[in-house]
């Protein structure tokens, strides 16, 4: 299963790229006013959390290299199981702070993963 970790981490990077693209020309109010935009954001954040959860399950050391790894996975659980209570003011800041940091951390893990025989 460890051989699947790079694919899961790549799924995280793909979701981040999509999220960053979705944000272009958007405002926080669009999360409340555009159901398609909100659905797209929530879907990609769910993928981020699920992919990290799978990777963490087989490579627990990832948890020490991803800031707030458990919270990211928890966000996935909230989006799936408590979807009616998801607030846009919690999602919007992810675009500015958490996603760029997460992207850097995942790239670092992938780079070091490739160098391990």
Foldseek 3Di string as FASTA:
>chain_A
DLVCLLVLLVLLVVLLVVLLVLPVPDDLCCCVVPVVSVVSLLVSLLSNLVSLVVNCVVVVVLVVQQPPNVVSVVSNVCCPPVVVPDDSVVRVVCNVPVSVSRNVSSVVVSVVVVVPD
